[in-house]
Amino acid sequence: MTKTTIGVTLSLLAALGGCGEPQAASPRPAPVERAAPAPQLPDLALGFDAANAPEIAAAQAQLKAEPDHPQSYVALATAFLRAARSEGGANRAYARDVIEVGLARTTDAPRLRLLAAMLLLDDHRFEQVIAAANELAVDLPYDPTPRLLVGDASLELGRYEAAEKAYEAAIDLRPDLRSYNRIGYMRWLYGDFDGAVEALEYALDAGSARDPESMAWCFTDLGAMYLRRGEAVPAKKAAARALELVPDYAPALVLAGRAAAEVGDLAGGRELLARAAERSASAETILRIVELDRAMEDTAQARSGLHDALAMAEHDPRPVAHFLARRGEQPMYALQLAEQELEARQNIWSWDTLALASVRAGDTKRARDAIDKARSLGTQDAELTLHAALVEMSEGDTNSARAHLEEAVAARPNVDPVLVAEIRGQLGAS
């Protein structure tokens, strides 16, 4: 498998040799073969100050001691990718530096190629992820990770049967935290909440204290499922467990902030979300803060936050499109962003966003098609139900809109109060 197959940009130095055409007056002497100079070390990653990051520091030392050993690059790239999931920031850039140089310096490094495929997943190059992971499954026949990557990429592309098949193949190889976690998410998508919780409990039982970040991620997923049902108390407990495992873990701070806001603690929720944004800024987190600032009538902060989120729209379009469409703001721009998102991903959340944006742009027929796709799996989610009510209201089907509105509020009393008030007002006026 060539390195270009997995889409990693490599800085390879060409071998030196003779160049140019031979002179007519005399034959050119045979070229002197010279060895290609070894590629440089990943100076960006090795220059990172790891004084407060012992795992990264240890991996840096290992790479300096063994710069031609593939595992040295795997260890350091893995350390940065772990940090990226909990902190964001420039950690992915450091990981990319390690992977590119490592692939250039070493041969027969399937686990390094595996990390390169993970970066492709972060870059939303899902078709390339599937191609790379399928090749890696041949090289690593007993490792479930390539199958998990196929599943994750297929999930983003809306190929749910393919994702489920890949996850089942992974769990057959090794029933560990990662595979159980994904099986749990699939069950939740298909409307089986109890089955999802059971699978996540298996995942946590299979976890290890040596890998607290993965367990924290699993607790966060579990809490998010509870929160989508409006069950803030178990969501808060799950966030607390995650934060015990990894203090200031950004995904868990987001969950804790959302859970606090769900029960009316807007200021406390904002504080937690702001801490998360300091650790790992994303358009979605910033827009959650904007929602709370608006609810607390802090218009200056809300305006500033929206400005920051809009600046991220090109690289992260869905959260911005979703926010604008829910609030009926900048409808044509929201539709443009929703269409951009759908080019990269065709999962139910992308279709949901397109449904909202199409309603606001006045394209009722397109909104109907999109919301049907968004709800096609039977996912039990109050927001999806509420958005169906909005589409039905735009179609003039007030009876269905009213029924879905009440269903959403019954499932989750605090679901999107602003949109609920808008729909109630229009239904009352109809």
Protein backbone atom coordinates (compact mmCIF):
# COMPACT_ATOMS: atom_id res chain seq x y z
CA MET A 1 0.00 0.00 0.00
CA THR A 2 1.46 3.35 -0.98
CA LYS A 3 1.45 6.20 1.47
CA THR A 4 -0.51 8.40 -0.92
CA THR A 5 -3.39 5.92 -0.71
CA ILE A 6 -4.27 7.21 2.74
CA GLY A 7 -4.02 10.83 1.71
CA VAL A 8 -1.17 11.84 3.99
CA THR A 9 1.03 14.64 2.69
CA LEU A 10 4.62 13.49 2.87
CA SER A 11 7.81 15.54 2.66
CA LEU A 12 10.05 13.00 0.91
CA LEU A 13 13.47 14.01 -0.31
CA ALA A 14 14.36 12.69 -3.74
CA ALA A 15 17.53 10.65 -4.23
CA LEU A 16 20.38 12.61 -5.72
CA GLY A 17 21.68 11.54 -9.10
CA GLY A 18 22.82 12.78 -12.48
CA CYS A 19 20.60 15.27 -14.24
CA GLY A 20 20.46 17.08 -17.56
CA GLU A 21 21.23 15.83 -21.08
CA PRO A 22 24.70 14.48 -22.00
CA GLN A 23 26.93 16.87 -23.96
CA ALA A 24 27.40 16.04 -27.63
CA ALA A 25 31.23 16.44 -27.48
CA SER A 26 31.79 13.68 -24.95
CA PRO A 27 29.77 10.95 -23.28
CA ARG A 28 28.48 11.64 -19.79
CA PRO A 29 30.23 9.59 -17.13
CA ALA A 30 28.15 7.10 -15.18
CA PRO A 31 26.32 8.89 -12.36
CA VAL A 32 27.61 8.43 -8.87
CA GLU A 33 24.88 6.93 -6.70
CA ARG A 34 24.33 8.80 -3.48
CA ALA A 35 22.21 7.80 -0.55
CA ALA A 36 19.10 9.87 0.05
CA PRO A 37 19.48 11.99 3.16
CA ALA A 38 17.31 10.89 6.04
CA PRO A 39 14.18 13.03 6.43
CA GLN A 40 14.26 15.48 9.28
CA LEU A 41 12.76 14.71 12.63
CA PRO A 42 9.33 16.13 13.46
CA ASP A 43 10.76 19.36 14.81
CA LEU A 44 7.35 20.94 15.37
CA ALA A 45 6.21 18.11 17.63
CA LEU A 46 9.56 17.70 19.37
CA GLY A 47 9.61 21.43 20.06
CA PHE A 48 6.33 21.24 21.98
CA ASP A 49 6.77 22.16 25.65
CA ALA A 50 5.55 19.01 27.40
CA ALA A 51 6.35 20.11 30.95
CA ASN A 52 2.70 19.55 31.93
CA ALA A 53 2.10 16.60 29.63
CA PRO A 54 4.04 13.57 30.92
CA GLU A 55 2.75 11.15 28.27
CA ILE A 56 3.88 13.46 25.47
CA ALA A 57 7.21 14.13 27.20
CA ALA A 58 7.95 10.41 27.53
CA ALA A 59 7.06 9.82 23.88
CA GLN A 60 9.25 12.74 22.77
CA ALA A 61 12.20 11.21 24.63
CA GLN A 62 11.52 7.81 23.08
CA LEU A 63 11.47 9.26 19.57
CA LYS A 64 14.73 11.15 20.10
CA ALA A 65 16.36 7.94 21.33
CA GLU A 66 14.94 5.72 18.54
CA PRO A 67 14.19 7.95 15.54
CA ASP A 68 14.06 5.06 13.06
CA HIS A 69 11.67 2.86 15.01
CA PRO A 70 8.00 3.09 13.86
CA GLN A 71 6.70 2.63 17.40
CA SER A 72 8.42 5.85 18.47
CA TYR A 73 6.25 7.80 16.03
CA VAL A 74 3.14 5.83 16.92
CA ALA A 75 3.61 6.62 20.62
CA LEU A 76 4.11 10.35 20.12
CA ALA A 77 1.33 10.77 17.55
CA THR A 78 -1.04 8.82 19.80
CA ALA A 79 -0.20 11.05 22.76
CA PHE A 80 -0.98 14.17 20.73
CA LEU A 81 -4.22 12.70 19.37
CA ARG A 82 -5.35 11.88 22.91
CA ALA A 83 -4.64 15.47 23.90
CA ALA A 84 -6.52 16.70 20.84
CA ARG A 85 -9.68 14.86 21.85
CA SER A 86 -9.67 16.33 25.35
CA GLU A 87 -8.14 19.74 24.67
CA GLY A 88 -8.26 20.47 20.94
CA GLY A 89 -5.89 23.28 20.12
CA ALA A 90 -2.83 22.60 17.96
CA ASN A 91 -2.46 19.00 19.09
CA ARG A 92 -3.69 17.60 15.76
CA ALA A 93 -1.08 19.66 13.94
CA TYR A 94 1.62 18.16 16.16
CA ALA A 95 0.25 14.67 15.54
CA ARG A 96 0.20 15.30 11.79
CA ASP A 97 3.84 16.41 11.90
CA VAL A 98 4.84 13.20 13.67
CA ILE A 99 2.87 10.97 11.30
CA GLU A 100 4.15 12.57 8.10
CA VAL A 101 7.78 12.39 9.16
CA GLY A 102 7.34 8.91 10.61
CA LEU A 103 5.88 7.58 7.36
CA ALA A 104 8.77 9.13 5.47
CA ARG A 105 11.46 7.69 7.74
CA THR A 106 10.14 4.21 8.42
CA THR A 107 8.91 1.25 6.43
CA ASP A 108 6.34 -1.42 7.22
CA ALA A 109 4.48 0.78 9.72
CA PRO A 110 0.79 -0.21 9.51
CA ARG A 111 -0.02 1.26 12.92
CA LEU A 112 1.36 4.60 11.85
CA ARG A 113 -0.75 4.39 8.70
CA LEU A 114 -3.69 3.66 10.98
CA LEU A 115 -3.13 6.95 12.78
CA ALA A 116 -2.91 8.69 9.41
CA ALA A 117 -6.33 7.27 8.57
CA MET A 118 -7.65 8.71 11.86
CA LEU A 119 -6.47 12.13 10.76
CA LEU A 120 -8.34 11.64 7.49
CA LEU A 121 -11.45 11.01 9.58
CA ASP A 122 -10.86 14.31 11.39
CA ASP A 123 -10.46 15.97 7.99
CA HIS A 124 -13.86 14.56 6.89
CA ARG A 125 -12.30 12.62 4.00
CA PHE A 126 -14.53 9.67 4.64
CA GLU A 127 -14.21 7.78 1.37
CA GLN A 128 -10.42 7.82 1.76
CA VAL A 129 -10.77 6.58 5.33
CA ILE A 130 -12.79 3.58 4.15
CA ALA A 131 -10.29 2.75 1.40
CA ALA A 132 -7.32 3.07 3.75
CA ALA A 133 -8.96 1.14 6.57
CA ASN A 134 -9.99 -1.72 4.29
CA GLU A 135 -6.37 -2.12 3.20
CA LEU A 136 -5.19 -1.91 6.80
CA ALA A 137 -7.65 -4.65 7.75
CA VAL A 138 -5.60 -6.97 5.54
CA ASP A 139 -2.33 -5.89 7.14
CA LEU A 140 -3.78 -6.04 10.67
CA PRO A 141 -6.23 -8.95 10.49
CA TYR A 142 -6.64 -9.30 14.27
CA ASP A 143 -6.92 -5.59 15.10
CA PRO A 144 -10.48 -4.24 15.29
CA THR A 145 -9.37 -0.63 14.74
CA PRO A 146 -9.55 -0.66 10.91
CA ARG A 147 -13.10 -2.01 11.14
CA LEU A 148 -14.01 0.71 13.63
CA LEU A 149 -12.67 3.31 11.22
CA VAL A 150 -14.75 1.87 8.38
CA GLY A 151 -17.76 2.02 10.68
CA ASP A 152 -17.09 5.60 11.78
CA ALA A 153 -16.63 6.86 8.22
CA SER A 154 -19.70 4.96 7.01
CA LEU A 155 -21.72 6.47 9.86
CA GLU A 156 -20.77 9.99 8.76
CA LEU A 157 -21.77 9.15 5.19
CA GLY A 158 -25.16 7.89 6.33
CA ARG A 159 -24.38 4.28 5.38
CA TYR A 160 -25.81 2.81 8.54
CA GLU A 161 -25.97 -0.82 7.46
CA ALA A 162 -22.32 -0.72 6.43
CA ALA A 163 -21.42 0.94 9.74
CA GLU A 164 -23.29 -1.69 11.72
CA LYS A 165 -21.61 -4.49 9.78
CA ALA A 166 -18.16 -2.99 10.40
CA TYR A 167 -18.81 -2.56 14.12
CA GLU A 168 -20.03 -6.13 14.41
CA ALA A 169 -16.83 -7.31 12.71
CA ALA A 170 -14.83 -5.27 15.22
CA ILE A 171 -16.66 -6.64 18.24
CA ASP A 172 -16.21 -10.19 16.92
CA LEU A 173 -12.45 -9.58 16.91
CA ARG A 174 -12.30 -7.87 20.29
CA PRO A 175 -15.28 -6.90 22.47
CA ASP A 176 -13.65 -3.88 24.09
CA LEU A 177 -14.67 -0.40 25.20
CA ARG A 178 -14.40 1.06 21.71
CA SER A 179 -16.56 -1.54 19.98
CA TYR A 180 -19.21 -1.66 22.72
CA ASN A 181 -19.35 2.14 22.72
CA ARG A 182 -20.13 2.23 19.02
CA ILE A 183 -22.66 -0.58 19.24
CA GLY A 184 -24.36 1.46 21.96
CA TYR A 185 -24.55 4.51 19.73
CA MET A 186 -25.99 2.43 16.87
CA ARG A 187 -28.67 1.04 19.17
CA TRP A 188 -29.56 4.56 20.27
CA LEU A 189 -29.79 5.72 16.65
CA TYR A 190 -32.25 2.90 15.97
CA GLY A 191 -34.42 3.94 18.91
CA ASP A 192 -33.31 1.31 21.42
CA PHE A 193 -32.38 3.45 24.43
CA ASP A 194 -32.24 0.60 26.95
CA GLY A 195 -30.07 -1.46 24.61
CA ALA A 196 -27.79 1.52 24.10
CA VAL A 197 -27.31 2.02 27.84
CA GLU A 198 -26.62 -1.68 28.28
CA ALA A 199 -23.93 -1.61 25.59
CA LEU A 200 -22.28 1.47 27.12
CA GLU A 201 -22.25 -0.21 30.52
CA TYR A 202 -20.46 -3.15 28.88
CA ALA A 203 -18.05 -0.64 27.37
CA LEU A 204 -17.27 0.88 30.76
CA ASP A 205 -16.83 -2.57 32.31
CA ALA A 206 -14.33 -3.34 29.55
CA GLY A 207 -12.44 -0.09 30.15
CA SER A 208 -9.12 0.25 31.90
CA ALA A 209 -7.79 2.66 34.49
CA ARG A 210 -4.68 2.86 32.32
CA ASP A 211 -6.78 4.63 29.67
CA PRO A 212 -8.94 7.10 31.63
CA GLU A 213 -9.60 9.33 28.60
CA SER A 214 -11.43 6.58 26.72
CA MET A 215 -13.58 5.87 29.77
CA ALA A 216 -14.28 9.59 30.16
CA TRP A 217 -15.38 9.70 26.52
CA CYS A 218 -17.72 6.77 27.14
CA PHE A 219 -19.28 8.39 30.21
CA THR A 220 -19.80 11.54 28.16
CA ASP A 221 -21.57 9.60 25.42
CA LEU A 222 -23.80 7.94 28.01
CA GLY A 223 -24.68 11.28 29.59
CA ALA A 224 -25.48 12.83 26.21
CA MET A 225 -27.98 10.05 25.51
CA TYR A 226 -29.71 10.73 28.82
CA LEU A 227 -29.74 14.47 28.17
CA ARG A 228 -31.44 14.04 24.80
CA ARG A 229 -34.28 12.44 26.75
CA GLY A 230 -34.38 15.43 29.11
CA GLU A 231 -32.89 13.40 31.98
CA ALA A 232 -30.46 15.96 33.34
CA VAL A 233 -29.65 14.22 36.64
CA PRO A 234 -28.05 11.07 35.16
CA ALA A 235 -26.41 13.28 32.53
CA LYS A 236 -24.80 15.39 35.27
CA LYS A 237 -23.66 12.26 37.09
CA ALA A 238 -22.06 10.90 33.91
CA ALA A 239 -20.29 14.21 33.32
CA ALA A 240 -19.02 14.20 36.91
CA ARG A 241 -17.60 10.68 36.48
CA ALA A 242 -15.86 11.73 33.30
CA LEU A 243 -14.35 14.77 35.00
CA GLU A 244 -13.11 12.61 37.88
CA LEU A 245 -11.24 10.51 35.35
CA VAL A 246 -9.93 13.45 33.30
CA PRO A 247 -10.12 16.83 35.06
CA ASP A 248 -11.24 19.68 32.79
CA TYR A 249 -12.12 17.19 30.05
CA ALA A 250 -13.70 19.47 27.43
CA PRO A 251 -16.45 17.11 26.15
CA ALA A 252 -17.55 16.42 29.73
CA LEU A 253 -17.56 20.13 30.57
CA VAL A 254 -19.87 20.68 27.60
CA LEU A 255 -22.17 17.92 28.83
CA ALA A 256 -22.17 19.31 32.36
CA GLY A 257 -22.94 22.81 31.05
CA ARG A 258 -25.82 21.57 28.92
CA ALA A 259 -27.23 19.56 31.83
CA ALA A 260 -27.08 22.61 34.12
CA ALA A 261 -28.89 24.74 31.53
CA GLU A 262 -31.49 22.00 31.06
CA VAL A 263 -32.64 22.44 34.68
CA GLY A 264 -32.59 26.24 34.51
CA ASP A 265 -29.12 27.04 35.84
CA LEU A 266 -28.19 29.24 32.90
CA ALA A 267 -25.29 31.06 34.58
CA GLY A 268 -23.77 27.82 35.85
CA GLY A 269 -24.21 26.20 32.47
CA ARG A 270 -22.55 29.12 30.76
CA GLU A 271 -19.57 28.98 33.09
CA LEU A 272 -19.01 25.30 32.35
CA LEU A 273 -19.38 25.82 28.60
CA ALA A 274 -16.95 28.73 28.71
CA ARG A 275 -14.39 26.52 30.47
CA ALA A 276 -14.87 23.93 27.74
CA ALA A 277 -14.41 26.55 25.03
CA GLU A 278 -11.17 27.70 26.65
CA ARG A 279 -9.90 24.14 26.49
CA SER A 280 -11.22 23.29 23.02
CA ALA A 281 -13.07 25.99 21.10
CA SER A 282 -15.64 24.82 18.57
CA ALA A 283 -18.49 26.50 16.76
CA GLU A 284 -21.01 24.23 18.48
CA THR A 285 -19.80 25.05 21.99
CA ILE A 286 -19.59 28.78 21.28
CA LEU A 287 -23.14 28.77 19.90
CA ARG A 288 -24.41 27.01 23.01
CA ILE A 289 -22.92 29.89 24.98
CA VAL A 290 -24.62 32.36 22.60
CA GLU A 291 -27.97 30.68 23.34
CA LEU A 292 -27.47 31.16 27.07
CA ASP A 293 -26.25 34.75 26.66
CA ARG A 294 -29.40 35.54 24.70
CA ALA A 295 -31.58 33.84 27.30
CA MET A 296 -29.89 35.94 30.00
CA GLU A 297 -30.27 39.05 27.79
CA ASP A 298 -26.56 39.68 27.51
CA THR A 299 -26.78 40.93 23.94
CA ALA A 300 -23.20 42.18 23.69
CA GLN A 301 -21.71 38.82 24.67
CA ALA A 302 -24.16 37.00 22.43
CA ARG A 303 -23.25 39.19 19.47
CA SER A 304 -19.53 38.66 20.06
CA GLY A 305 -19.95 34.90 20.36
CA LEU A 306 -22.00 34.68 17.19
CA HIS A 307 -19.31 36.63 15.35
CA ASP A 308 -16.69 34.12 16.53
CA ALA A 309 -18.82 31.15 15.50
CA LEU A 310 -19.57 32.59 12.06
CA ALA A 311 -15.83 32.85 11.51
CA MET A 312 -15.62 29.06 11.95
CA ALA A 313 -18.44 28.27 9.54
CA GLU A 314 -16.26 27.50 6.54
CA HIS A 315 -14.49 24.66 8.36
CA ASP A 316 -17.40 23.58 10.59
CA PRO A 317 -20.62 24.46 8.75
CA ARG A 318 -23.27 22.29 10.39
CA PRO A 319 -23.43 23.88 13.88
CA VAL A 320 -23.63 27.36 12.39
CA ALA A 321 -26.25 26.35 9.80
CA HIS A 322 -28.22 24.56 12.52
CA PHE A 323 -28.19 27.55 14.87
CA LEU A 324 -29.16 30.07 12.19
CA ALA A 325 -31.92 27.84 10.81
CA ARG A 326 -33.41 27.12 14.25
CA ARG A 327 -33.59 30.83 14.92
CA GLY A 328 -34.68 31.86 11.41
CA GLU A 329 -31.62 34.08 10.94
CA GLN A 330 -29.74 34.61 7.67
CA PRO A 331 -31.87 31.92 5.96
CA MET A 332 -30.05 31.79 2.64
CA TYR A 333 -26.64 31.62 4.30
CA ALA A 334 -27.93 28.88 6.61
CA LEU A 335 -29.12 26.93 3.56
CA GLN A 336 -25.75 27.40 1.84
CA LEU A 337 -23.94 26.04 4.89
CA ALA A 338 -26.38 23.14 5.25
CA GLU A 339 -25.77 22.19 1.62
CA GLN A 340 -22.03 22.44 2.15
CA GLU A 341 -22.29 20.11 5.13
CA LEU A 342 -24.36 17.63 3.15
CA GLU A 343 -21.64 17.41 0.51
CA ALA A 344 -19.29 16.00 3.17
CA ARG A 345 -21.72 14.05 5.34
CA GLN A 346 -25.10 12.50 4.71
CA ASN A 347 -25.96 11.38 8.24
CA ILE A 348 -29.29 12.05 9.92
CA TRP A 349 -27.97 15.20 11.62
CA SER A 350 -26.96 16.72 8.26
CA TRP A 351 -30.43 15.97 6.88
CA ASP A 352 -32.01 17.48 10.00
CA THR A 353 -30.08 20.70 9.49
CA LEU A 354 -31.04 20.81 5.82
CA ALA A 355 -34.69 20.38 6.81
CA LEU A 356 -34.55 23.39 9.12
CA ALA A 357 -32.67 25.51 6.60
CA SER A 358 -35.09 24.56 3.81
CA VAL A 359 -38.07 25.59 5.92
CA ARG A 360 -36.53 28.99 6.56
CA ALA A 361 -35.70 29.38 2.86
CA GLY A 362 -39.31 28.58 1.95
CA ASP A 363 -38.64 25.24 0.23
CA THR A 364 -41.26 23.10 1.94
CA LYS A 365 -40.93 20.13 -0.39
CA ARG A 366 -37.20 19.86 0.22
CA ALA A 367 -37.73 20.28 3.95
CA ARG A 368 -40.17 17.36 3.96
CA ASP A 369 -37.75 15.07 2.12
CA ALA A 370 -34.90 16.05 4.47
CA ILE A 371 -36.82 15.60 7.73
CA ASP A 372 -38.05 12.19 6.56
CA LYS A 373 -34.44 11.14 5.99
CA ALA A 374 -33.42 12.59 9.37
CA ARG A 375 -36.07 10.48 11.15
CA SER A 376 -35.73 7.38 9.00
CA LEU A 377 -33.92 5.30 11.65
CA GLY A 378 -36.53 5.78 14.35
CA THR A 379 -34.12 7.72 16.58
CA GLN A 380 -35.89 8.78 19.78
CA ASP A 381 -34.86 12.40 19.98
CA ALA A 382 -37.08 15.28 21.06
CA GLU A 383 -35.30 17.79 18.85
CA LEU A 384 -35.91 15.72 15.72
CA THR A 385 -39.57 15.46 16.68
CA LEU A 386 -39.78 19.23 17.25
CA HIS A 387 -38.19 19.91 13.88
CA ALA A 388 -40.77 17.64 12.25
CA ALA A 389 -43.42 19.88 13.82
CA LEU A 390 -41.79 22.94 12.25
CA VAL A 391 -41.79 21.29 8.82
CA GLU A 392 -45.44 20.26 9.19
CA MET A 393 -46.41 23.75 10.23
CA SER A 394 -44.75 25.10 7.08
CA GLU A 395 -46.79 22.59 5.08
CA GLY A 396 -49.99 23.80 6.70
CA ASP A 397 -50.56 20.48 8.52
CA THR A 398 -51.41 22.01 11.88
CA ASN A 399 -52.81 18.82 13.41
CA SER A 400 -49.58 16.86 12.84
CA ALA A 401 -47.49 19.87 13.88
CA ARG A 402 -49.39 20.18 17.15
CA ALA A 403 -49.12 16.46 17.85
CA HIS A 404 -45.37 16.39 17.25
CA LEU A 405 -44.87 19.57 19.28
CA GLU A 406 -46.59 18.04 22.30
CA GLU A 407 -44.72 14.75 21.81
CA ALA A 408 -41.38 16.58 21.85
CA VAL A 409 -42.23 18.60 24.96
CA ALA A 410 -43.55 15.52 26.77
CA ALA A 411 -40.32 13.66 26.04
CA ARG A 412 -38.12 16.59 27.02
CA PRO A 413 -39.89 19.51 28.73
CA ASN A 414 -37.06 21.98 28.18
CA VAL A 415 -36.39 21.16 24.52
CA ASP A 416 -35.44 24.32 22.60
CA PRO A 417 -37.74 26.79 24.42
CA VAL A 418 -37.37 29.49 21.76
CA LEU A 419 -38.43 27.23 18.89
CA VAL A 420 -41.23 25.73 20.99
CA ALA A 421 -42.57 29.24 21.68
CA GLU A 422 -42.38 30.11 17.97
CA ILE A 423 -44.31 27.00 16.92
CA ARG A 424 -46.88 27.41 19.69
CA GLY A 425 -47.41 31.02 18.66
CA GLN A 426 -47.94 30.18 15.01
CA LEU A 427 -50.23 27.27 15.81
CA GLY A 428 -52.25 29.54 18.07
CA ALA A 429 -52.60 32.08 15.29
CA SER A 430 -53.64 29.47 12.71
